[in-house]
Protein backbone atom coordinates (compact mmCIF):
# COMPACT_ATOMS: atom_id res chain seq x y z
CA UNK A 1 0.00 0.00 0.00
CA UNK A 2 1.24 3.47 -0.92
CA UNK A 3 -0.04 6.99 -0.38
CA UNK A 4 -0.45 7.25 -4.15
CA UNK A 5 -3.12 4.52 -3.88
CA UNK A 6 -5.31 7.21 -2.30
CA UNK A 7 -5.06 9.69 -5.19
CA UNK A 8 -8.50 11.22 -5.70
CA UNK A 9 -9.31 11.10 -1.99
CA UNK A 10 -8.32 13.37 0.88
CA UNK A 11 -6.09 11.69 3.44
CA UNK A 12 -5.14 12.36 7.03
CA UNK A 13 -1.69 10.89 7.55
CA UNK A 14 -0.62 10.75 11.18
CA UNK A 15 3.01 10.03 12.00
CA UNK A 16 3.61 8.52 15.42
CA UNK A 17 6.88 7.52 17.10
CA UNK A 18 6.22 3.96 18.33
CA UNK A 19 3.32 1.53 18.46
CA UNK A 20 2.13 0.33 21.88
CA UNK A 21 3.47 3.34 23.78
CA UNK A 22 0.96 5.32 25.86
CA UNK A 23 0.86 8.51 23.76
CA UNK A 24 0.79 6.70 20.42
CA UNK A 25 -1.93 4.35 21.63
CA UNK A 26 -4.06 7.28 22.84
CA UNK A 27 -3.55 9.07 19.51
CA UNK A 28 -4.40 6.05 17.36
CA UNK A 29 -7.46 5.28 19.50
CA UNK A 30 -8.63 8.90 19.24
CA UNK A 31 -8.55 8.59 15.44
CA UNK A 32 -10.35 5.22 15.78
CA UNK A 33 -13.06 6.77 17.96
CA UNK A 34 -13.74 9.46 15.33
CA UNK A 35 -13.35 7.22 12.26
CA UNK A 36 -17.04 7.59 11.36
CA UNK A 37 -16.72 11.41 11.35
CA UNK A 38 -13.76 11.18 8.95
CA UNK A 39 -15.70 8.76 6.76
CA UNK A 40 -18.64 11.20 6.58
CA UNK A 41 -16.19 13.84 5.36
CA UNK A 42 -14.84 11.32 2.80
CA UNK A 43 -11.36 11.44 4.31
CA UNK A 44 -9.14 8.37 4.68
CA UNK A 45 -6.99 7.92 7.78
CA UNK A 46 -3.52 6.39 7.59
CA UNK A 47 -1.09 5.93 10.47
CA UNK A 48 2.63 5.59 9.88
CA UNK A 49 5.63 4.79 12.06
CA UNK A 50 9.00 3.08 11.78
CA UNK A 51 7.62 -0.06 13.45
CA UNK A 52 7.86 -3.36 11.60
CA UNK A 53 4.76 -4.58 9.72
CA UNK A 54 4.14 -7.35 12.27
CA UNK A 55 4.23 -4.83 15.12
CA UNK A 56 1.82 -2.61 13.20
CA UNK A 57 -0.53 -5.55 12.59
CA UNK A 58 -0.61 -6.47 16.29
CA UNK A 59 -1.09 -2.82 17.33
CA UNK A 60 -3.98 -2.48 14.89
CA UNK A 61 -5.66 -5.69 16.08
CA UNK A 62 -5.12 -5.02 19.79
CA UNK A 63 -6.75 -1.57 19.54
CA UNK A 64 -9.40 -2.31 16.89
CA UNK A 65 -8.05 0.32 14.52
CA UNK A 66 -10.24 0.54 11.38
CA UNK A 67 -7.58 2.14 9.16
CA UNK A 68 -4.25 1.02 7.69
CA UNK A 69 -1.01 1.42 9.58
CA UNK A 70 2.02 1.78 7.33
CA UNK A 71 5.55 0.72 8.16
CA UNK A 72 8.44 3.08 7.34
CA UNK A 73 11.41 1.24 8.90
CA UNK A 74 14.07 3.32 7.14
CA UNK A 75 12.21 6.59 7.81
CA UNK A 76 12.10 7.36 4.06
CA UNK A 77 8.55 8.73 4.18
CA UNK A 78 9.20 10.48 7.49
CA UNK A 79 12.24 12.20 5.97
CA UNK A 80 10.25 13.16 2.85
CA UNK A 81 7.60 14.82 5.04
CA UNK A 82 10.22 16.37 7.34
CA UNK A 83 9.05 14.62 10.50
CA UNK A 84 12.24 12.59 11.19
CA UNK A 85 14.13 15.11 13.29
CA UNK A 86 16.60 15.67 16.06
CA UNK A 87 14.72 15.66 19.35
CA UNK A 88 15.70 15.93 23.00
CA UNK A 89 14.82 12.84 24.99
CA UNK A 90 15.77 12.57 28.65
CA UNK A 91 18.27 15.38 28.14
CA UNK A 92 19.98 13.75 25.16
CA UNK A 93 19.75 14.66 21.47
CA UNK A 94 18.38 11.78 19.38
CA UNK A 95 16.96 11.35 15.91
CA UNK A 96 13.33 10.30 15.89
CA UNK A 97 9.80 10.85 14.73
CA UNK A 98 8.15 14.13 15.65
CA UNK A 99 4.46 13.42 16.21
CA UNK A 100 2.89 15.12 13.18
CA UNK A 101 -0.37 14.95 11.24
CA UNK A 102 -0.64 15.92 7.57
CA UNK A 103 -3.79 16.52 5.55
CA UNK A 104 -3.23 15.62 1.89
CA UNK A 105 -5.71 16.75 -0.77
CA UNK A 106 -7.22 14.68 -3.59
CA UNK A 107 -4.29 15.51 -5.88
CA UNK A 108 -1.63 14.44 -3.38
CA UNK A 109 -0.76 18.00 -2.34
CA UNK A 110 -0.20 18.80 1.34
CA UNK A 111 -3.04 21.04 2.59
CA UNK A 112 -2.17 21.35 6.27
CA UNK A 113 0.55 20.22 8.67
CA UNK A 114 0.05 19.84 12.41
CA UNK A 115 3.55 19.73 13.95
CA UNK A 116 4.61 18.77 17.46
CA UNK A 117 1.18 17.31 18.10
CA UNK A 118 -0.15 17.06 21.64
CA UNK A 119 -2.50 14.08 21.73
CA UNK A 120 -5.29 15.56 23.84
CA UNK A 121 -7.79 17.37 21.61
CA UNK A 122 -5.74 16.83 18.46
CA UNK A 123 -8.23 14.73 16.50
CA UNK A 124 -10.96 17.32 17.16
CA UNK A 125 -8.64 19.99 15.73
CA UNK A 126 -8.03 17.92 12.60
CA UNK A 127 -11.78 17.36 12.10
CA UNK A 128 -12.41 21.09 12.56
CA UNK A 129 -9.81 21.90 9.92
CA UNK A 130 -11.45 19.51 7.46
C-alpha atoms as a PDB file:
ATOM      1  CA  UNK A   1       0.000   0.000   0.000  1.00  0.00           C
ATOM      2  CA  UNK A   2       1.236   3.471  -0.918  1.00  0.00           C
ATOM      3  CA  UNK A   3      -0.044   6.992  -0.378  1.00  0.00           C
ATOM      4  CA  UNK A   4      -0.455   7.255  -4.154  1.00  0.00           C
ATOM      5  CA  UNK A   5      -3.124   4.522  -3.883  1.00  0.00           C
ATOM      6  CA  UNK A   6      -5.309   7.213  -2.301  1.00  0.00           C
ATOM      7  CA  UNK A   7      -5.061   9.692  -5.192  1.00  0.00           C
ATOM      8  CA  UNK A   8      -8.498  11.217  -5.705  1.00  0.00           C
ATOM      9  CA  UNK A   9      -9.308  11.102  -1.994  1.00  0.00           C
ATOM     10  CA  UNK A  10      -8.320  13.367   0.882  1.00  0.00           C
ATOM     11  CA  UNK A  11      -6.093  11.691   3.438  1.00  0.00           C
ATOM     12  CA  UNK A  12      -5.143  12.362   7.027  1.00  0.00           C
ATOM     13  CA  UNK A  13      -1.695  10.894   7.554  1.00  0.00           C
ATOM     14  CA  UNK A  14      -0.621  10.750  11.183  1.00  0.00           C
ATOM     15  CA  UNK A  15       3.011  10.028  12.002  1.00  0.00           C
ATOM     16  CA  UNK A  16       3.608   8.522  15.417  1.00  0.00           C
ATOM     17  CA  UNK A  17       6.885   7.520  17.104  1.00  0.00           C
ATOM     18  CA  UNK A  18       6.217   3.960  18.328  1.00  0.00           C
ATOM     19  CA  UNK A  19       3.317   1.529  18.464  1.00  0.00           C
ATOM     20  CA  UNK A  20       2.133   0.335  21.876  1.00  0.00           C
ATOM     21  CA  UNK A  21       3.472   3.340  23.777  1.00  0.00           C
ATOM     22  CA  UNK A  22       0.961   5.322  25.858  1.00  0.00           C
ATOM     23  CA  UNK A  23       0.864   8.509  23.757  1.00  0.00           C
ATOM     24  CA  UNK A  24       0.792   6.704  20.421  1.00  0.00           C
ATOM     25  CA  UNK A  25      -1.926   4.346  21.628  1.00  0.00           C
ATOM     26  CA  UNK A  26      -4.062   7.280  22.835  1.00  0.00           C
ATOM     27  CA  UNK A  27      -3.549   9.069  19.514  1.00  0.00           C
ATOM     28  CA  UNK A  28      -4.401   6.047  17.359  1.00  0.00           C
ATOM     29  CA  UNK A  29      -7.461   5.276  19.498  1.00  0.00           C
ATOM     30  CA  UNK A  30      -8.631   8.898  19.240  1.00  0.00           C
ATOM     31  CA  UNK A  31      -8.552   8.586  15.437  1.00  0.00           C
ATOM     32  CA  UNK A  32     -10.349   5.222  15.783  1.00  0.00           C
ATOM     33  CA  UNK A  33     -13.059   6.766  17.956  1.00  0.00           C
ATOM     34  CA  UNK A  34     -13.744   9.461  15.332  1.00  0.00           C
ATOM     35  CA  UNK A  35     -13.346   7.221  12.256  1.00  0.00           C
ATOM     36  CA  UNK A  36     -17.039   7.593  11.359  1.00  0.00           C
ATOM     37  CA  UNK A  37     -16.717  11.406  11.345  1.00  0.00           C
ATOM     38  CA  UNK A  38     -13.756  11.181   8.948  1.00  0.00           C
ATOM     39  CA  UNK A  39     -15.705   8.764   6.755  1.00  0.00           C
ATOM     40  CA  UNK A  40     -18.644  11.196   6.585  1.00  0.00           C
ATOM     41  CA  UNK A  41     -16.195  13.836   5.364  1.00  0.00           C
ATOM     42  CA  UNK A  42     -14.839  11.319   2.804  1.00  0.00           C
ATOM     43  CA  UNK A  43     -11.361  11.440   4.312  1.00  0.00           C
ATOM     44  CA  UNK A  44      -9.136   8.370   4.683  1.00  0.00           C
ATOM     45  CA  UNK A  45      -6.989   7.922   7.779  1.00  0.00           C
ATOM     46  CA  UNK A  46      -3.518   6.385   7.591  1.00  0.00           C
ATOM     47  CA  UNK A  47      -1.095   5.935  10.470  1.00  0.00           C
ATOM     48  CA  UNK A  48       2.634   5.591   9.884  1.00  0.00           C
ATOM     49  CA  UNK A  49       5.629   4.791  12.056  1.00  0.00           C
ATOM     50  CA  UNK A  50       8.998   3.081  11.784  1.00  0.00           C
ATOM     51  CA  UNK A  51       7.621  -0.057  13.446  1.00  0.00           C
ATOM     52  CA  UNK A  52       7.865  -3.361  11.595  1.00  0.00           C
ATOM     53  CA  UNK A  53       4.756  -4.576   9.720  1.00  0.00           C
ATOM     54  CA  UNK A  54       4.142  -7.351  12.272  1.00  0.00           C
ATOM     55  CA  UNK A  55       4.232  -4.833  15.123  1.00  0.00           C
ATOM     56  CA  UNK A  56       1.818  -2.610  13.201  1.00  0.00           C
ATOM     57  CA  UNK A  57      -0.532  -5.551  12.593  1.00  0.00           C
ATOM     58  CA  UNK A  58      -0.611  -6.467  16.290  1.00  0.00           C
ATOM     59  CA  UNK A  59      -1.086  -2.822  17.331  1.00  0.00           C
ATOM     60  CA  UNK A  60      -3.980  -2.481  14.889  1.00  0.00           C
ATOM     61  CA  UNK A  61      -5.661  -5.694  16.084  1.00  0.00           C
ATOM     62  CA  UNK A  62      -5.122  -5.016  19.791  1.00  0.00           C
ATOM     63  CA  UNK A  63      -6.745  -1.571  19.537  1.00  0.00           C
ATOM     64  CA  UNK A  64      -9.398  -2.307  16.887  1.00  0.00           C
ATOM     65  CA  UNK A  65      -8.045   0.324  14.522  1.00  0.00           C
ATOM     66  CA  UNK A  66     -10.237   0.539  11.377  1.00  0.00           C
ATOM     67  CA  UNK A  67      -7.581   2.145   9.162  1.00  0.00           C
ATOM     68  CA  UNK A  68      -4.254   1.025   7.689  1.00  0.00           C
ATOM     69  CA  UNK A  69      -1.007   1.417   9.582  1.00  0.00           C
ATOM     70  CA  UNK A  70       2.016   1.779   7.332  1.00  0.00           C
ATOM     71  CA  UNK A  71       5.549   0.718   8.163  1.00  0.00           C
ATOM     72  CA  UNK A  72       8.436   3.080   7.344  1.00  0.00           C
ATOM     73  CA  UNK A  73      11.412   1.240   8.900  1.00  0.00           C
ATOM     74  CA  UNK A  74      14.071   3.318   7.138  1.00  0.00           C
ATOM     75  CA  UNK A  75      12.205   6.594   7.805  1.00  0.00           C
ATOM     76  CA  UNK A  76      12.099   7.355   4.065  1.00  0.00           C
ATOM     77  CA  UNK A  77       8.548   8.725   4.179  1.00  0.00           C
ATOM     78  CA  UNK A  78       9.203  10.485   7.488  1.00  0.00           C
ATOM     79  CA  UNK A  79      12.241  12.195   5.969  1.00  0.00           C
ATOM     80  CA  UNK A  80      10.247  13.157   2.852  1.00  0.00           C
ATOM     81  CA  UNK A  81       7.601  14.817   5.043  1.00  0.00           C
ATOM     82  CA  UNK A  82      10.219  16.368   7.338  1.00  0.00           C
ATOM     83  CA  UNK A  83       9.054  14.618  10.500  1.00  0.00           C
ATOM     84  CA  UNK A  84      12.238  12.592  11.193  1.00  0.00           C
ATOM     85  CA  UNK A  85      14.132  15.112  13.289  1.00  0.00           C
ATOM     86  CA  UNK A  86      16.602  15.672  16.061  1.00  0.00           C
ATOM     87  CA  UNK A  87      14.725  15.665  19.354  1.00  0.00           C
ATOM     88  CA  UNK A  88      15.703  15.934  22.996  1.00  0.00           C
ATOM     89  CA  UNK A  89      14.824  12.844  24.988  1.00  0.00           C
ATOM     90  CA  UNK A  90      15.774  12.566  28.651  1.00  0.00           C
ATOM     91  CA  UNK A  91      18.268  15.383  28.144  1.00  0.00           C
ATOM     92  CA  UNK A  92      19.981  13.753  25.163  1.00  0.00           C
ATOM     93  CA  UNK A  93      19.754  14.661  21.475  1.00  0.00           C
ATOM     94  CA  UNK A  94      18.384  11.783  19.381  1.00  0.00           C
ATOM     95  CA  UNK A  95      16.955  11.346  15.905  1.00  0.00           C
ATOM     96  CA  UNK A  96      13.327  10.304  15.891  1.00  0.00           C
ATOM     97  CA  UNK A  97       9.795  10.848  14.732  1.00  0.00           C
ATOM     98  CA  UNK A  98       8.148  14.128  15.647  1.00  0.00           C
ATOM     99  CA  UNK A  99       4.459  13.417  16.209  1.00  0.00           C
ATOM    100  CA  UNK A 100       2.886  15.120  13.177  1.00  0.00           C
ATOM    101  CA  UNK A 101      -0.374  14.950  11.235  1.00  0.00           C
ATOM    102  CA  UNK A 102      -0.639  15.923   7.573  1.00  0.00           C
ATOM    103  CA  UNK A 103      -3.788  16.522   5.545  1.00  0.00           C
ATOM    104  CA  UNK A 104      -3.225  15.618   1.894  1.00  0.00           C
ATOM    105  CA  UNK A 105      -5.713  16.747  -0.765  1.00  0.00           C
ATOM    106  CA  UNK A 106      -7.221  14.675  -3.592  1.00  0.00           C
ATOM    107  CA  UNK A 107      -4.293  15.505  -5.882  1.00  0.00           C
ATOM    108  CA  UNK A 108      -1.635  14.440  -3.376  1.00  0.00           C
ATOM    109  CA  UNK A 109      -0.757  18.000  -2.341  1.00  0.00           C
ATOM    110  CA  UNK A 110      -0.205  18.802   1.340  1.00  0.00           C
ATOM    111  CA  UNK A 111      -3.039  21.035   2.588  1.00  0.00           C
ATOM    112  CA  UNK A 112      -2.173  21.348   6.265  1.00  0.00           C
ATOM    113  CA  UNK A 113       0.554  20.216   8.674  1.00  0.00           C
ATOM    114  CA  UNK A 114       0.053  19.842  12.414  1.00  0.00           C
ATOM    115  CA  UNK A 115       3.548  19.727  13.946  1.00  0.00           C
ATOM    116  CA  UNK A 116       4.613  18.772  17.464  1.00  0.00           C
ATOM    117  CA  UNK A 117       1.177  17.306  18.103  1.00  0.00           C
ATOM    118  CA  UNK A 118      -0.145  17.059  21.641  1.00  0.00           C
ATOM    119  CA  UNK A 119      -2.499  14.077  21.729  1.00  0.00           C
ATOM    120  CA  UNK A 120      -5.292  15.559  23.837  1.00  0.00           C
ATOM    121  CA  UNK A 121      -7.792  17.370  21.605  1.00  0.00           C
ATOM    122  CA  UNK A 122      -5.743  16.832  18.460  1.00  0.00           C
ATOM    123  CA  UNK A 123      -8.235  14.727  16.503  1.00  0.00           C
ATOM    124  CA  UNK A 124     -10.964  17.317  17.159  1.00  0.00           C
ATOM    125  CA  UNK A 125      -8.639  19.993  15.729  1.00  0.00           C
ATOM    126  CA  UNK A 126      -8.033  17.925  12.600  1.00  0.00           C
ATOM    127  CA  UNK A 127     -11.777  17.363  12.098  1.00  0.00           C
ATOM    128  CA  UNK A 128     -12.411  21.086  12.564  1.00  0.00           C
ATOM    129  CA  UNK A 129      -9.806  21.901   9.917  1.00  0.00           C
ATOM    130  CA  UNK A 130     -11.451  19.506   7.456  1.00  0.00           C
END
